[in-house]
């Protein structure tokens, strides 16, 4: 019984990727939310390529965008936009860049989350 209680308590304390990202850089969460608010985003598109930017030029400035060469274009569901970008942020070091990841059919989408270099 004690083991089950401890496991439940540990699960309740586990942070989500969004919470981890918020702890590292609140601007990243803002940029992700701003970018992923579009519910009909497709790759490639000007919207995805231009992305979203939050900050005023400091070290926590954040830019998020998706480049791609998908043919035919591919829709990015909002839930995947949020979850994949929060995961990138949660797993990144938070300094300079959270890196790029490849998604979509044949990895035709390049997801980028940059900090301090917009």
PDB file of N, CA and C in Angstrom:
ATOM      1  N   UNK A   1       0.818  -1.192   0.000  1.00  0.00           N
ATOM      2  CA  UNK A   1       0.000   0.000   0.000  1.00  0.00           C
ATOM      3  C   UNK A   1       0.865   1.260   0.000  1.00  0.00           C
ATOM      4  N   UNK A   2       1.932   1.264   0.786  1.00  0.00           N
ATOM      5  CA  UNK A   2       2.816   2.425   0.848  1.00  0.00           C
ATOM      6  C   UNK A   2       3.485   2.663  -0.496  1.00  0.00           C
ATOM      7  N   UNK A   3       3.857   1.586  -1.190  1.00  0.00           N
ATOM      8  CA  UNK A   3       4.490   1.725  -2.500  1.00  0.00           C
ATOM      9  C   UNK A   3       3.541   2.367  -3.498  1.00  0.00           C
ATOM     10  N   UNK A   4       2.295   1.956  -3.491  1.00  0.00           N
ATOM     11  CA  UNK A   4       1.293   2.527  -4.387  1.00  0.00           C
ATOM     12  C   UNK A   4       1.084   4.000  -4.072  1.00  0.00           C
ATOM     13  N   UNK A   5       1.069   4.366  -2.822  1.00  0.00           N
ATOM     14  CA  UNK A   5       0.891   5.761  -2.426  1.00  0.00           C
ATOM     15  C   UNK A   5       2.079   6.605  -2.883  1.00  0.00           C
ATOM     16  N   UNK A   6       3.294   6.057  -2.733  1.00  0.00           N
ATOM     17  CA  UNK A   6       4.487   6.783  -3.160  1.00  0.00           C
ATOM     18  C   UNK A   6       4.505   6.957  -4.677  1.00  0.00           C
ATOM     19  N   UNK A   7       4.107   5.927  -5.397  1.00  0.00           N
ATOM     20  CA  UNK A   7       4.065   6.004  -6.859  1.00  0.00           C
ATOM     21  C   UNK A   7       3.053   7.045  -7.307  1.00  0.00           C
ATOM     22  N   UNK A   8       1.909   7.095  -6.668  1.00  0.00           N
ATOM     23  CA  UNK A   8       0.883   8.072  -6.995  1.00  0.00           C
ATOM     24  C   UNK A   8       1.385   9.485  -6.709  1.00  0.00           C
ATOM     25  N   UNK A   9       2.064   9.669  -5.594  1.00  0.00           N
ATOM     26  CA  UNK A   9       2.595  10.980  -5.242  1.00  0.00           C
ATOM     27  C   UNK A   9       3.660  11.418  -6.245  1.00  0.00           C
ATOM     28  N   UNK A  10       4.515  10.513  -6.680  1.00  0.00           N
ATOM     29  CA  UNK A  10       5.554  10.838  -7.662  1.00  0.00           C
ATOM     30  C   UNK A  10       4.933  11.230  -8.990  1.00  0.00           C
ATOM     31  N   UNK A  11       3.884  10.535  -9.390  1.00  0.00           N
ATOM     32  CA  UNK A  11       3.193  10.856 -10.632  1.00  0.00           C
ATOM     33  C   UNK A  11       2.558  12.236 -10.551  1.00  0.00           C
ATOM     34  N   UNK A  12       1.949  12.540  -9.413  1.00  0.00           N
ATOM     35  CA  UNK A  12       1.300  13.827  -9.241  1.00  0.00           C
ATOM     36  C   UNK A  12       2.313  14.966  -9.282  1.00  0.00           C
ATOM     37  N   UNK A  13       3.561  14.711  -8.874  1.00  0.00           N
ATOM     38  CA  UNK A  13       4.579  15.748  -8.840  1.00  0.00           C
ATOM     39  C   UNK A  13       5.330  15.885 -10.171  1.00  0.00           C
ATOM     40  N   UNK A  14       5.189  14.925 -11.065  1.00  0.00           N
ATOM     41  CA  UNK A  14       5.899  14.979 -12.336  1.00  0.00           C
ATOM     42  C   UNK A  14       5.422  16.188 -13.142  1.00  0.00           C
ATOM     43  N   UNK A  15       6.364  16.932 -13.668  1.00  0.00           N
ATOM     44  CA  UNK A  15       6.019  18.121 -14.440  1.00  0.00           C
ATOM     45  C   UNK A  15       5.747  17.749 -15.888  1.00  0.00           C
ATOM     46  N   UNK A  16       4.812  18.455 -16.482  1.00  0.00           N
ATOM     47  CA  UNK A  16       4.539  18.278 -17.903  1.00  0.00           C
ATOM     48  C   UNK A  16       5.635  18.986 -18.702  1.00  0.00           C
ATOM     49  N   UNK A  17       5.711  18.680 -19.985  1.00  0.00           N
ATOM     50  CA  UNK A  17       6.676  19.367 -20.839  1.00  0.00           C
ATOM     51  C   UNK A  17       6.414  20.869 -20.856  1.00  0.00           C
ATOM     52  N   UNK A  18       5.158  21.272 -20.840  1.00  0.00           N
ATOM     53  CA  UNK A  18       4.834  22.695 -20.824  1.00  0.00           C
ATOM     54  C   UNK A  18       5.351  23.345 -19.544  1.00  0.00           C
ATOM     55  N   UNK A  19       5.186  22.685 -18.407  1.00  0.00           N
ATOM     56  CA  UNK A  19       5.676  23.231 -17.142  1.00  0.00           C
ATOM     57  C   UNK A  19       7.201  23.316 -17.123  1.00  0.00           C
ATOM     58  N   UNK A  20       7.866  22.299 -17.654  1.00  0.00           N
ATOM     59  CA  UNK A  20       9.332  22.319 -17.725  1.00  0.00           C
ATOM     60  C   UNK A  20       9.802  23.466 -18.612  1.00  0.00           C
ATOM     61  N   UNK A  21       9.120  23.655 -19.715  1.00  0.00           N
ATOM     62  CA  UNK A  21       9.458  24.731 -20.633  1.00  0.00           C
ATOM     63  C   UNK A  21       9.247  26.088 -19.963  1.00  0.00           C
ATOM     64  N   UNK A  22       8.147  26.245 -19.274  1.00  0.00           N
ATOM     65  CA  UNK A  22       7.843  27.504 -18.576  1.00  0.00           C
ATOM     66  C   UNK A  22       8.941  27.824 -17.567  1.00  0.00           C
ATOM     67  N   UNK A  23       9.420  26.807 -16.874  1.00  0.00           N
ATOM     68  CA  UNK A  23      10.475  26.999 -15.876  1.00  0.00           C
ATOM     69  C   UNK A  23      11.769  27.468 -16.538  1.00  0.00           C
ATOM     70  N   UNK A  24      12.071  26.951 -17.728  1.00  0.00           N
ATOM     71  CA  UNK A  24      13.298  27.320 -18.444  1.00  0.00           C
ATOM     72  C   UNK A  24      13.204  28.706 -19.065  1.00  0.00           C
ATOM     73  N   UNK A  25      12.062  28.979 -19.705  1.00  0.00           N
ATOM     74  CA  UNK A  25      11.945  30.207 -20.481  1.00  0.00           C
ATOM     75  C   UNK A  25      10.480  30.483 -20.796  1.00  0.00           C
ATOM     76  N   UNK A  26       9.897  31.393 -20.056  1.00  0.00           N
ATOM     77  CA  UNK A  26       8.504  31.748 -20.271  1.00  0.00           C
ATOM     78  C   UNK A  26       8.239  32.291 -21.664  1.00  0.00           C
ATOM     79  N   UNK A  27       9.243  32.948 -22.268  1.00  0.00           N
ATOM     80  CA  UNK A  27       9.067  33.442 -23.640  1.00  0.00           C
ATOM     81  C   UNK A  27       8.852  32.291 -24.613  1.00  0.00           C
ATOM     82  N   UNK A  28       9.493  31.156 -24.351  1.00  0.00           N
ATOM     83  CA  UNK A  28       9.315  29.998 -25.238  1.00  0.00           C
ATOM     84  C   UNK A  28       7.862  29.533 -25.215  1.00  0.00           C
ATOM     85  N   UNK A  29       7.276  29.464 -24.026  1.00  0.00           N
ATOM     86  CA  UNK A  29       5.872  29.052 -23.916  1.00  0.00           C
ATOM     87  C   UNK A  29       4.981  30.038 -24.655  1.00  0.00           C
ATOM     88  N   UNK A  30       5.251  31.328 -24.488  1.00  0.00           N
ATOM     89  CA  UNK A  30       4.451  32.347 -25.179  1.00  0.00           C
ATOM     90  C   UNK A  30       4.572  32.212 -26.696  1.00  0.00           C
ATOM     91  N   UNK A  31       5.791  32.010 -27.178  1.00  0.00           N
ATOM     92  CA  UNK A  31       5.996  31.878 -28.628  1.00  0.00           C
ATOM     93  C   UNK A  31       5.298  30.638 -29.162  1.00  0.00           C
ATOM     94  N   UNK A  32       5.403  29.529 -28.436  1.00  0.00           N
ATOM     95  CA  UNK A  32       4.754  28.284 -28.854  1.00  0.00           C
ATOM     96  C   UNK A  32       3.242  28.465 -28.905  1.00  0.00           C
ATOM     97  N   UNK A  33       2.673  29.066 -27.870  1.00  0.00           N
ATOM     98  CA  UNK A  33       1.222  29.265 -27.839  1.00  0.00           C
ATOM     99  C   UNK A  33       0.770  30.195 -28.953  1.00  0.00           C
ATOM    100  N   UNK A  34       1.536  31.247 -29.191  1.00  0.00           N
ATOM    101  CA  UNK A  34       1.178  32.188 -30.261  1.00  0.00           C
ATOM    102  C   UNK A  34       1.219  31.485 -31.619  1.00  0.00           C
ATOM    103  N   UNK A  35       2.293  30.735 -31.856  1.00  0.00           N
ATOM    104  CA  UNK A  35       2.469  30.054 -33.132  1.00  0.00           C
ATOM    105  C   UNK A  35       1.406  28.979 -33.350  1.00  0.00           C
ATOM    106  N   UNK A  36       1.127  28.204 -32.325  1.00  0.00           N
ATOM    107  CA  UNK A  36       0.218  27.060 -32.462  1.00  0.00           C
ATOM    108  C   UNK A  36      -1.253  27.427 -32.354  1.00  0.00           C
ATOM    109  N   UNK A  37      -1.564  28.700 -32.225  1.00  0.00           N
ATOM    110  CA  UNK A  37      -2.980  29.087 -32.149  1.00  0.00           C
ATOM    111  C   UNK A  37      -3.684  28.901 -33.485  1.00  0.00           C
ATOM    112  N   UNK A  38      -2.929  28.851 -34.546  1.00  0.00           N
ATOM    113  CA  UNK A  38      -3.513  28.654 -35.887  1.00  0.00           C
ATOM    114  C   UNK A  38      -3.938  27.193 -36.023  1.00  0.00           C
ATOM    115  N   UNK A  39      -5.192  26.965 -36.323  1.00  0.00           N
ATOM    116  CA  UNK A  39      -5.720  25.602 -36.373  1.00  0.00           C
ATOM    117  C   UNK A  39      -5.692  24.992 -37.777  1.00  0.00           C
ATOM    118  N   UNK A  40      -5.324  25.798 -38.770  1.00  0.00           N
ATOM    119  CA  UNK A  40      -5.293  25.264 -40.137  1.00  0.00           C
ATOM    120  C   UNK A  40      -3.899  25.418 -40.756  1.00  0.00           C
ATOM    121  N   UNK A  41      -2.857  25.259 -39.924  1.00  0.00           N
ATOM    122  CA  UNK A  41      -1.487  25.406 -40.403  1.00  0.00           C
ATOM    123  C   UNK A  41      -1.098  24.244 -41.304  1.00  0.00           C
ATOM    124  N   UNK A  42      -0.462  24.585 -42.416  1.00  0.00           N
ATOM    125  CA  UNK A  42       0.045  23.570 -43.330  1.00  0.00           C
ATOM    126  C   UNK A  42       1.515  23.855 -43.610  1.00  0.00           C
ATOM    127  N   UNK A  43       2.215  22.785 -43.982  1.00  0.00           N
ATOM    128  CA  UNK A  43       3.626  22.866 -44.327  1.00  0.00           C
ATOM    129  C   UNK A  43       3.775  22.408 -45.766  1.00  0.00           C
ATOM    130  N   UNK A  44       4.361  23.179 -46.640  1.00  0.00           N
ATOM    131  CA  UNK A  44       4.926  24.505 -46.417  1.00  0.00           C
ATOM    132  C   UNK A  44       3.858  25.599 -46.484  1.00  0.00           C
ATOM    133  N   UNK A  45       4.153  26.714 -45.825  1.00  0.00           N
ATOM    134  CA  UNK A  45       3.308  27.907 -45.902  1.00  0.00           C
ATOM    135  C   UNK A  45       4.103  29.096 -45.385  1.00  0.00           C
ATOM    136  N   UNK A  46       3.698  30.282 -45.799  1.00  0.00           N
ATOM    137  CA  UNK A  46       4.358  31.493 -45.306  1.00  0.00           C
ATOM    138  C   UNK A  46       4.189  31.612 -43.796  1.00  0.00           C
ATOM    139  N   UNK A  47       2.993  31.275 -43.293  1.00  0.00           N
ATOM    140  CA  UNK A  47       2.745  31.364 -41.852  1.00  0.00           C
ATOM    141  C   UNK A  47       3.746  30.510 -41.070  1.00  0.00           C
ATOM    142  N   UNK A  48       3.898  29.259 -41.466  1.00  0.00           N
ATOM    143  CA  UNK A  48       4.792  28.345 -40.747  1.00  0.00           C
ATOM    144  C   UNK A  48       6.246  28.788 -40.875  1.00  0.00           C
ATOM    145  N   UNK A  49       6.632  29.251 -42.050  1.00  0.00           N
ATOM    146  CA  UNK A  49       8.011  29.674 -42.294  1.00  0.00           C
ATOM    147  C   UNK A  49       8.336  30.940 -41.498  1.00  0.00           C
ATOM    148  N   UNK A  50       7.385  31.879 -41.421  1.00  0.00           N
ATOM    149  CA  UNK A  50       7.604  33.128 -40.682  1.00  0.00           C
ATOM    150  C   UNK A  50       7.578  32.896 -39.176  1.00  0.00           C
ATOM    151  N   UNK A  51       6.746  31.982 -38.713  1.00  0.00           N
ATOM    152  CA  UNK A  51       6.710  31.610 -37.312  1.00  0.00           C
ATOM    153  C   UNK A  51       6.223  32.698 -36.381  1.00  0.00           C
ATOM    154  N   UNK A  52       6.632  32.567 -35.126  1.00  0.00           N
ATOM    155  CA  UNK A  52       6.249  33.513 -34.082  1.00  0.00           C
ATOM    156  C   UNK A  52       7.491  33.890 -33.283  1.00  0.00           C
ATOM    157  N   UNK A  53       7.492  35.116 -32.794  1.00  0.00           N
ATOM    158  CA  UNK A  53       8.627  35.641 -32.044  1.00  0.00           C
ATOM    159  C   UNK A  53       8.110  36.314 -30.781  1.00  0.00           C
ATOM    160  N   UNK A  54       8.794  36.082 -29.664  1.00  0.00           N
ATOM    161  CA  UNK A  54       8.461  36.746 -28.403  1.00  0.00           C
ATOM    162  C   UNK A  54       9.756  37.237 -27.781  1.00  0.00           C
ATOM    163  N   UNK A  55       9.765  38.479 -27.337  1.00  0.00           N
ATOM    164  CA  UNK A  55      10.930  39.045 -26.674  1.00  0.00           C
ATOM    165  C   UNK A  55      11.287  40.398 -27.250  1.00  0.00           C
ATOM    166  N   UNK A  56      12.286  41.017 -26.630  1.00  0.00           N
ATOM    167  CA  UNK A  56      12.698  42.354 -27.039  1.00  0.00           C
ATOM    168  C   UNK A  56      14.194  42.428 -27.314  1.00  0.00           C
ATOM    169  N   UNK A  57      14.780  41.344 -27.738  1.00  0.00           N
ATOM    170  CA  UNK A  57      16.184  41.350 -28.101  1.00  0.00           C
ATOM    171  C   UNK A  57      17.121  40.796 -27.044  1.00  0.00           C
ATOM    172  N   UNK A  58      16.609  40.356 -25.930  1.00  0.00           N
ATOM    173  CA  UNK A  58      17.456  39.833 -24.866  1.00  0.00           C
ATOM    174  C   UNK A  58      17.806  38.378 -25.057  1.00  0.00           C
ATOM    175  N   UNK A  59      18.476  37.817 -24.058  1.00  0.00           N
ATOM    176  CA  UNK A  59      18.934  36.429 -24.166  1.00  0.00           C
ATOM    177  C   UNK A  59      17.806  35.397 -24.146  1.00  0.00           C
ATOM    178  N   UNK A  60      16.611  35.816 -23.767  1.00  0.00           N
ATOM    179  CA  UNK A  60      15.492  34.877 -23.730  1.00  0.00           C
ATOM    180  C   UNK A  60      14.518  35.073 -24.886  1.00  0.00           C
ATOM    181  N   UNK A  61      14.884  35.964 -25.829  1.00  0.00           N
ATOM    182  CA  UNK A  61      14.085  36.093 -27.046  1.00  0.00           C
ATOM    183  C   UNK A  61      13.860  34.708 -27.631  1.00  0.00           C
ATOM    184  N   UNK A  62      12.670  34.450 -28.085  1.00  0.00           N
ATOM    185  CA  UNK A  62      12.371  33.121 -28.620  1.00  0.00           C
ATOM    186  C   UNK A  62      11.664  33.235 -29.961  1.00  0.00           C
ATOM    187  N   UNK A  63      12.088  32.408 -30.890  1.00  0.00           N
ATOM    188  CA  UNK A  63      11.431  32.317 -32.194  1.00  0.00           C
ATOM    189  C   UNK A  63      11.158  30.855 -32.493  1.00  0.00           C
ATOM    190  N   UNK A  64       9.973  30.595 -32.982  1.00  0.00           N
ATOM    191  CA  UNK A  64       9.590  29.243 -33.380  1.00  0.00           C
ATOM    192  C   UNK A  64       9.054  29.296 -34.807  1.00  0.00           C
ATOM    193  N   UNK A  65       9.445  28.313 -35.613  1.00  0.00           N
ATOM    194  CA  UNK A  65       8.926  28.228 -36.976  1.00  0.00           C
ATOM    195  C   UNK A  65       9.097  26.806 -37.493  1.00  0.00           C
ATOM    196  N   UNK A  66       8.406  26.538 -38.588  1.00  0.00           N
ATOM    197  CA  UNK A  66       8.519  25.233 -39.243  1.00  0.00           C
ATOM    198  C   UNK A  66       8.813  25.476 -40.716  1.00  0.00           C
ATOM    199  N   UNK A  67       9.947  24.972 -41.159  1.00  0.00           N
ATOM    200  CA  UNK A  67      10.277  24.993 -42.577  1.00  0.00           C
ATOM    201  C   UNK A  67       9.876  23.648 -43.161  1.00  0.00           C
ATOM    202  N   UNK A  68       9.684  23.613 -44.438  1.00  0.00           N
ATOM    203  CA  UNK A  68       9.330  22.326 -45.014  1.00  0.00           C
ATOM    204  C   UNK A  68       9.269  22.327 -46.513  1.00  0.00           C
ATOM    205  N   UNK A  69       9.374  21.130 -47.021  1.00  0.00           N
ATOM    206  CA  UNK A  69       9.303  20.919 -48.467  1.00  0.00           C
ATOM    207  C   UNK A  69       8.297  19.821 -48.782  1.00  0.00           C
ATOM    208  N   UNK A  70       7.265  19.715 -47.972  1.00  0.00           N
ATOM    209  CA  UNK A  70       6.273  18.649 -48.139  1.00  0.00           C
ATOM    210  C   UNK A  70       5.504  18.844 -49.445  1.00  0.00           C
ATOM    211  N   UNK A  71       5.358  17.760 -50.179  1.00  0.00           N
ATOM    212  CA  UNK A  71       4.596  17.790 -51.420  1.00  0.00           C
ATOM    213  C   UNK A  71       3.849  16.468 -51.542  1.00  0.00           C
ATOM    214  N   UNK A  72       2.533  16.489 -51.378  1.00  0.00           N
ATOM    215  CA  UNK A  72       1.683  17.652 -51.165  1.00  0.00           C
ATOM    216  C   UNK A  72       1.861  18.218 -49.756  1.00  0.00           C
ATOM    217  N   UNK A  73       1.307  19.424 -49.537  1.00  0.00           N
ATOM    218  CA  UNK A  73       1.401  20.054 -48.233  1.00  0.00           C
ATOM    219  C   UNK A  73       0.828  19.148 -47.158  1.00  0.00           C
ATOM    220  N   UNK A  74       1.252  19.352 -45.926  1.00  0.00           N
ATOM    221  CA  UNK A  74       0.766  18.554 -44.796  1.00  0.00           C
ATOM    222  C   UNK A  74       0.218  19.462 -43.706  1.00  0.00           C
ATOM    223  N   UNK A  75      -0.915  19.076 -43.180  1.00  0.00           N
ATOM    224  CA  UNK A  75      -1.573  19.795 -42.097  1.00  0.00           C
ATOM    225  C   UNK A  75      -0.868  19.457 -40.793  1.00  0.00           C
ATOM    226  N   UNK A  76      -0.700  20.459 -39.913  1.00  0.00           N
ATOM    227  CA  UNK A  76      -0.136  20.261 -38.580  1.00  0.00           C
ATOM    228  C   UNK A  76      -1.263  20.473 -37.569  1.00  0.00           C
ATOM    229  N   UNK A  77      -1.796  19.390 -37.001  1.00  0.00           N
ATOM    230  CA  UNK A  77      -2.853  19.546 -35.994  1.00  0.00           C
ATOM    231  C   UNK A  77      -2.349  20.341 -34.789  1.00  0.00           C
ATOM    232  N   UNK A  78      -3.188  21.185 -34.246  1.00  0.00           N
ATOM    233  CA  UNK A  78      -2.813  22.054 -33.133  1.00  0.00           C
ATOM    234  C   UNK A  78      -2.237  21.267 -31.951  1.00  0.00           C
ATOM    235  N   UNK A  79      -2.833  20.130 -31.621  1.00  0.00           N
ATOM    236  CA  UNK A  79      -2.352  19.362 -30.468  1.00  0.00           C
ATOM    237  C   UNK A  79      -0.924  18.883 -30.683  1.00  0.00           C
ATOM    238  N   UNK A  80      -0.550  18.541 -31.923  1.00  0.00           N
ATOM    239  CA  UNK A  80       0.819  18.106 -32.201  1.00  0.00           C
ATOM    240  C   UNK A  80       1.774  19.290 -32.224  1.00  0.00           C
ATOM    241  N   UNK A  81       1.307  20.409 -32.733  1.00  0.00           N
ATOM    242  CA  UNK A  81       2.116  21.614 -32.718  1.00  0.00           C
ATOM    243  C   UNK A  81       2.537  21.918 -31.282  1.00  0.00           C
ATOM    244  N   UNK A  82       1.579  21.951 -30.373  1.00  0.00           N
ATOM    245  CA  UNK A  82       1.868  22.252 -28.971  1.00  0.00           C
ATOM    246  C   UNK A  82       2.734  21.182 -28.321  1.00  0.00           C
ATOM    247  N   UNK A  83       2.331  19.920 -28.433  1.00  0.00           N
ATOM    248  CA  UNK A  83       3.039  18.869 -27.698  1.00  0.00           C
ATOM    249  C   UNK A  83       4.469  18.686 -28.198  1.00  0.00           C
ATOM    250  N   UNK A  84       4.689  18.762 -29.504  1.00  0.00           N
ATOM    251  CA  UNK A  84       6.034  18.545 -30.040  1.00  0.00           C
ATOM    252  C   UNK A  84       6.954  19.714 -29.709  1.00  0.00           C
ATOM    253  N   UNK A  85       6.454  20.940 -29.763  1.00  0.00           N
ATOM    254  CA  UNK A  85       7.283  22.089 -29.421  1.00  0.00           C
ATOM    255  C   UNK A  85       7.557  22.156 -27.923  1.00  0.00           C
ATOM    256  N   UNK A  86       6.567  21.857 -27.092  1.00  0.00           N
ATOM    257  CA  UNK A  86       6.815  21.820 -25.641  1.00  0.00           C
ATOM    258  C   UNK A  86       7.854  20.752 -25.306  1.00  0.00           C
ATOM    259  N   UNK A  87       7.802  19.622 -26.003  1.00  0.00           N
ATOM    260  CA  UNK A  87       8.772  18.563 -25.764  1.00  0.00           C
ATOM    261  C   UNK A  87      10.177  19.007 -26.180  1.00  0.00           C
ATOM    262  N   UNK A  88      10.286  19.684 -27.305  1.00  0.00           N
ATOM    263  CA  UNK A  88      11.591  20.212 -27.734  1.00  0.00           C
ATOM    264  C   UNK A  88      12.158  21.149 -26.668  1.00  0.00           C
ATOM    265  N   UNK A  89      11.316  22.024 -26.158  1.00  0.00           N
ATOM    266  CA  UNK A  89      11.739  22.981 -25.155  1.00  0.00           C
ATOM    267  C   UNK A  89      12.122  22.266 -23.855  1.00  0.00           C
ATOM    268  N   UNK A  90      11.307  21.330 -23.423  1.00  0.00           N
ATOM    269  CA  UNK A  90      11.558  20.622 -22.162  1.00  0.00           C
ATOM    270  C   UNK A  90      12.863  19.842 -22.202  1.00  0.00           C
ATOM    271  N   UNK A  91      13.194  19.298 -23.364  1.00  0.00           N
ATOM    272  CA  UNK A  91      14.403  18.483 -23.471  1.00  0.00           C
ATOM    273  C   UNK A  91      15.635  19.290 -23.868  1.00  0.00           C
ATOM    274  N   UNK A  92      15.450  20.522 -24.313  1.00  0.00           N
ATOM    275  CA  UNK A  92      16.583  21.344 -24.740  1.00  0.00           C
ATOM    276  C   UNK A  92      17.311  21.955 -23.568  1.00  0.00           C
ATOM    277  N   UNK A  93      18.496  22.477 -23.838  1.00  0.00           N
ATOM    278  CA  UNK A  93      19.286  23.065 -22.769  1.00  0.00           C
ATOM    279  C   UNK A  93      18.865  24.489 -22.439  1.00  0.00           C
ATOM    280  N   UNK A  94      18.089  25.113 -23.312  1.00  0.00           N
ATOM    281  CA  UNK A  94      17.560  26.435 -23.034  1.00  0.00           C
ATOM    282  C   UNK A  94      18.518  27.568 -23.344  1.00  0.00           C
ATOM    283  N   UNK A  95      19.700  27.270 -23.851  1.00  0.00           N
ATOM    284  CA  UNK A  95      20.676  28.314 -24.146  1.00  0.00           C
ATOM    285  C   UNK A  95      20.997  28.313 -25.638  1.00  0.00           C
ATOM    286  N   UNK A  96      20.616  29.371 -26.320  1.00  0.00           N
ATOM    287  CA  UNK A  96      20.947  29.500 -27.738  1.00  0.00           C
ATOM    288  C   UNK A  96      19.956  28.837 -28.659  1.00  0.00           C
ATOM    289  N   UNK A  97      19.700  27.580 -28.469  1.00  0.00           N
ATOM    290  CA  UNK A  97      18.758  26.888 -29.339  1.00  0.00           C
ATOM    291  C   UNK A  97      18.275  25.619 -28.662  1.00  0.00           C
ATOM    292  N   UNK A  98      17.040  25.310 -28.895  1.00  0.00           N
ATOM    293  CA  UNK A  98      16.507  24.037 -28.420  1.00  0.00           C
ATOM    294  C   UNK A  98      16.627  23.002 -29.527  1.00  0.00           C
ATOM    295  N   UNK A  99      17.206  23.430 -30.632  1.00  0.00           N
ATOM    296  CA  UNK A  99      17.463  22.504 -31.716  1.00  0.00           C
ATOM    297  C   UNK A  99      16.362  22.456 -32.747  1.00  0.00           C
ATOM    298  N   UNK A 100      16.545  21.551 -33.660  1.00  0.00           N
ATOM    299  CA  UNK A 100      15.584  21.318 -34.729  1.00  0.00           C
ATOM    300  C   UNK A 100      15.222  19.846 -34.718  1.00  0.00           C
ATOM    301  N   UNK A 101      13.997  19.579 -35.067  1.00  0.00           N
ATOM    302  CA  UNK A 101      13.532  18.202 -35.196  1.00  0.00           C
ATOM    303  C   UNK A 101      12.792  18.069 -36.511  1.00  0.00           C
ATOM    304  N   UNK A 102      12.746  16.840 -36.984  1.00  0.00           N
ATOM    305  CA  UNK A 102      12.108  16.554 -38.256  1.00  0.00           C
ATOM    306  C   UNK A 102      10.866  15.716 -38.027  1.00  0.00           C
ATOM    307  N   UNK A 103       9.754  16.173 -38.607  1.00  0.00           N
ATOM    308  CA  UNK A 103       8.480  15.480 -38.483  1.00  0.00           C
ATOM    309  C   UNK A 103       7.832  15.403 -39.866  1.00  0.00           C
ATOM    310  N   UNK A 104       6.668  14.779 -39.903  1.00  0.00           N
ATOM    311  CA  UNK A 104       5.904  14.676 -41.141  1.00  0.00           C
ATOM    312  C   UNK A 104       6.331  13.488 -41.978  1.00  0.00           C
ATOM    313  N   UNK A 105       5.576  13.253 -43.029  1.00  0.00           N
ATOM    314  CA  UNK A 105       5.912  12.164 -43.955  1.00  0.00           C
ATOM    315  C   UNK A 105       7.281  12.413 -44.552  1.00  0.00           C
ATOM    316  N   UNK A 106       8.117  11.405 -44.525  1.00  0.00           N
ATOM    317  CA  UNK A 106       9.478  11.497 -45.056  1.00  0.00           C
ATOM    318  C   UNK A 106      10.287  12.627 -44.413  1.00  0.00           C
ATOM    319  N   UNK A 107       9.940  12.979 -43.174  1.00  0.00           N
ATOM    320  CA  UNK A 107      10.643  14.051 -42.431  1.00  0.00           C
ATOM    321  C   UNK A 107      10.732  15.351 -43.227  1.00  0.00           C
ATOM    322  N   UNK A 108       9.650  15.694 -43.917  1.00  0.00           N
ATOM    323  CA  UNK A 108       9.667  16.887 -44.762  1.00  0.00           C
ATOM    324  C   UNK A 108       9.444  18.184 -43.979  1.00  0.00           C
ATOM    325  N   UNK A 109       9.219  18.085 -42.664  1.00  0.00           N
ATOM    326  CA  UNK A 109       9.006  19.268 -41.837  1.00  0.00           C
ATOM    327  C   UNK A 109      10.208  19.442 -40.907  1.00  0.00           C
ATOM    328  N   UNK A 110      10.758  20.649 -40.867  1.00  0.00           N
ATOM    329  CA  UNK A 110      11.854  20.979 -39.959  1.00  0.00           C
ATOM    330  C   UNK A 110      11.332  21.963 -38.925  1.00  0.00           C
ATOM    331  N   UNK A 111      11.180  21.496 -37.690  1.00  0.00           N
ATOM    332  CA  UNK A 111      10.659  22.306 -36.595  1.00  0.00           C
ATOM    333  C   UNK A 111      11.849  22.949 -35.875  1.00  0.00           C
ATOM    334  N   UNK A 112      11.795  24.270 -35.682  1.00  0.00           N
ATOM    335  CA  UNK A 112      12.915  24.999 -35.089  1.00  0.00           C
ATOM    336  C   UNK A 112      12.417  25.854 -33.932  1.00  0.00           C
ATOM    337  N   UNK A 113      13.133  25.773 -32.808  1.00  0.00           N
ATOM    338  CA  UNK A 113      12.856  26.584 -31.636  1.00  0.00           C
ATOM    339  C   UNK A 113      14.175  27.213 -31.215  1.00  0.00           C
ATOM    340  N   UNK A 114      14.322  28.523 -31.426  1.00  0.00           N
ATOM    341  CA  UNK A 114      15.561  29.250 -31.119  1.00  0.00           C
ATOM    342  C   UNK A 114      15.346  30.219 -29.978  1.00  0.00           C
ATOM    343  N   UNK A 115      16.359  30.339 -29.134  1.00  0.00           N
ATOM    344  CA  UNK A 115      16.335  31.274 -28.031  1.00  0.00           C
ATOM    345  C   UNK A 115      17.561  32.185 -28.150  1.00  0.00           C
ATOM    346  N   UNK A 116      17.339  33.493 -28.040  1.00  0.00           N
ATOM    347  CA  UNK A 116      18.447  34.429 -28.064  1.00  0.00           C
ATOM    348  C   UNK A 116      18.988  34.716 -29.452  1.00  0.00           C
ATOM    349  N   UNK A 117      18.464  34.059 -30.456  1.00  0.00           N
ATOM    350  CA  UNK A 117      18.872  34.290 -31.854  1.00  0.00           C
ATOM    351  C   UNK A 117      17.620  34.294 -32.702  1.00  0.00           C
ATOM    352  N   UNK A 118      17.054  35.445 -32.897  1.00  0.00           N
ATOM    353  CA  UNK A 118      15.793  35.476 -33.649  1.00  0.00           C
ATOM    354  C   UNK A 118      15.931  35.936 -35.054  1.00  0.00           C
TER     355      UNK A 118
END
